[in-house]
Amino acid sequence: MPSLPVITGKKAVKVFNKLGFSVVRIQGSHHIMKKKGHRCLLTVPVHSGKTLKPGTLRGLIRAAEVSPEHFLQVLNQI
């Protein structure tokens, strides 16, 4: 598994948007994302100026059922 970059929640939301997820609602500072036909909701913490912890990002990628390599490819396109 490649090492994951240090990114903000805002950047993660952009990547998941490119992967087909959309923001369903915002609960305070957490963006709830859903993809049509996908069984899970993603809860991305978007705190201004703070980065996501590596375990949180890894869990979001796993819940989205995307490989880390594909996530990095999309991230590099943004």
C-alpha atoms as a PDB file:
ATOM      1  CA  MET A   1       0.000   0.000   0.000  1.00  0.00           C
ATOM      2  CA  PRO A   2       1.454   3.394  -0.927  1.00  0.00           C
ATOM      3  CA  SER A   3       1.893   5.976   1.779  1.00  0.00           C
ATOM      4  CA  LEU A   4      -0.991   8.399   1.893  1.00  0.00           C
ATOM      5  CA  PRO A   5      -0.415  12.139   1.636  1.00  0.00           C
ATOM      6  CA  VAL A   6      -1.303  14.615   4.342  1.00  0.00           C
ATOM      7  CA  ILE A   7      -4.396  16.446   3.052  1.00  0.00           C
ATOM      8  CA  THR A   8      -7.216  18.520   4.475  1.00  0.00           C
ATOM      9  CA  GLY A   9     -10.802  17.383   4.692  1.00  0.00           C
ATOM     10  CA  LYS A  10     -11.754  19.937   2.034  1.00  0.00           C
ATOM     11  CA  LYS A  11      -9.300  18.348  -0.412  1.00  0.00           C
ATOM     12  CA  ALA A  12     -10.625  14.866   0.434  1.00  0.00           C
ATOM     13  CA  VAL A  13     -14.185  16.028  -0.338  1.00  0.00           C
ATOM     14  CA  LYS A  14     -12.996  17.205  -3.766  1.00  0.00           C
ATOM     15  CA  VAL A  15     -11.379  13.831  -4.479  1.00  0.00           C
ATOM     16  CA  PHE A  16     -14.469  11.893  -3.394  1.00  0.00           C
ATOM     17  CA  ASN A  17     -16.592  14.192  -5.591  1.00  0.00           C
ATOM     18  CA  LYS A  18     -14.443  13.161  -8.568  1.00  0.00           C
ATOM     19  CA  LEU A  19     -14.981   9.525  -7.568  1.00  0.00           C
ATOM     20  CA  GLY A  20     -18.763   9.944  -7.826  1.00  0.00           C
ATOM     21  CA  PHE A  21     -19.729  10.834  -4.271  1.00  0.00           C
ATOM     22  CA  SER A  22     -21.784  13.933  -3.525  1.00  0.00           C
ATOM     23  CA  VAL A  23     -22.441  15.847  -0.324  1.00  0.00           C
ATOM     24  CA  VAL A  24     -25.854  14.874   1.034  1.00  0.00           C
ATOM     25  CA  ARG A  25     -25.750  17.137   4.069  1.00  0.00           C
ATOM     26  CA  ILE A  26     -23.406  19.007   6.358  1.00  0.00           C
ATOM     27  CA  GLN A  27     -23.559  18.304  10.097  1.00  0.00           C
ATOM     28  CA  GLY A  28     -21.536  21.065  11.700  1.00  0.00           C
ATOM     29  CA  SER A  29     -18.035  20.563  10.324  1.00  0.00           C
ATOM     30  CA  HIS A  30     -18.623  17.072   8.927  1.00  0.00           C
ATOM     31  CA  HIS A  31     -19.620  16.523   5.303  1.00  0.00           C
ATOM     32  CA  ILE A  32     -21.815  13.461   4.793  1.00  0.00           C
ATOM     33  CA  MET A  33     -21.279  12.014   1.318  1.00  0.00           C
ATOM     34  CA  LYS A  34     -23.207   9.370  -0.616  1.00  0.00           C
ATOM     35  CA  LYS A  35     -22.767   7.665  -3.972  1.00  0.00           C
ATOM     36  CA  LYS A  36     -25.737   6.262  -5.840  1.00  0.00           C
ATOM     37  CA  GLY A  37     -25.710   2.486  -5.617  1.00  0.00           C
ATOM     38  CA  HIS A  38     -23.112   2.496  -2.833  1.00  0.00           C
ATOM     39  CA  ARG A  39     -24.054   1.031   0.538  1.00  0.00           C
ATOM     40  CA  CYS A  40     -22.015   3.328   2.811  1.00  0.00           C
ATOM     41  CA  LEU A  41     -22.078   6.973   3.757  1.00  0.00           C
ATOM     42  CA  LEU A  42     -18.752   8.758   4.090  1.00  0.00           C
ATOM     43  CA  THR A  43     -18.366  11.241   6.933  1.00  0.00           C
ATOM     44  CA  VAL A  44     -15.493  13.568   6.120  1.00  0.00           C
ATOM     45  CA  PRO A  45     -14.389  15.962   8.888  1.00  0.00           C
ATOM     46  CA  VAL A  46     -13.692  19.384   7.377  1.00  0.00           C
ATOM     47  CA  HIS A  47     -11.992  21.503  10.030  1.00  0.00           C
ATOM     48  CA  SER A  48     -10.399  24.670   8.667  1.00  0.00           C
ATOM     49  CA  GLY A  49      -6.629  24.544   8.655  1.00  0.00           C
ATOM     50  CA  LYS A  50      -6.424  20.987   9.990  1.00  0.00           C
ATOM     51  CA  THR A  51      -5.343  17.878   8.123  1.00  0.00           C
ATOM     52  CA  LEU A  52      -6.934  14.445   8.263  1.00  0.00           C
ATOM     53  CA  LYS A  53      -5.231  11.853  10.397  1.00  0.00           C
ATOM     54  CA  PRO A  54      -3.756   8.999   8.341  1.00  0.00           C
ATOM     55  CA  GLY A  55      -6.079   6.397   9.886  1.00  0.00           C
ATOM     56  CA  THR A  56      -9.146   8.514   9.183  1.00  0.00           C
ATOM     57  CA  LEU A  57      -8.164   8.980   5.543  1.00  0.00           C
ATOM     58  CA  ARG A  58      -7.353   5.278   5.173  1.00  0.00           C
ATOM     59  CA  GLY A  59     -10.750   4.369   6.657  1.00  0.00           C
ATOM     60  CA  LEU A  60     -12.570   6.737   4.301  1.00  0.00           C
ATOM     61  CA  ILE A  61     -10.786   5.252   1.290  1.00  0.00           C
ATOM     62  CA  ARG A  62     -11.621   1.741   2.469  1.00  0.00           C
ATOM     63  CA  ALA A  63     -15.289   2.656   3.071  1.00  0.00           C
ATOM     64  CA  ALA A  64     -15.471   4.186  -0.417  1.00  0.00           C
ATOM     65  CA  GLU A  65     -14.230   0.848  -1.789  1.00  0.00           C
ATOM     66  CA  VAL A  66     -11.468   2.560  -3.755  1.00  0.00           C
ATOM     67  CA  SER A  67      -7.867   1.440  -3.913  1.00  0.00           C
ATOM     68  CA  PRO A  68      -5.303   3.812  -2.407  1.00  0.00           C
ATOM     69  CA  GLU A  69      -3.528   3.912  -5.782  1.00  0.00           C
ATOM     70  CA  HIS A  70      -6.702   5.087  -7.550  1.00  0.00           C
ATOM     71  CA  PHE A  71      -7.324   7.674  -4.825  1.00  0.00           C
ATOM     72  CA  LEU A  72      -3.796   9.052  -5.325  1.00  0.00           C
ATOM     73  CA  GLN A  73      -4.276   9.186  -9.110  1.00  0.00           C
ATOM     74  CA  VAL A  74      -7.445  11.275  -8.710  1.00  0.00           C
ATOM     75  CA  LEU A  75      -5.773  13.448  -6.075  1.00  0.00           C
ATOM     76  CA  ASN A  76      -2.894  14.216  -8.453  1.00  0.00           C
ATOM     77  CA  GLN A  77      -5.369  15.293 -11.157  1.00  0.00           C
ATOM     78  CA  ILE A  78      -6.894  17.970  -8.921  1.00  0.00           C
END
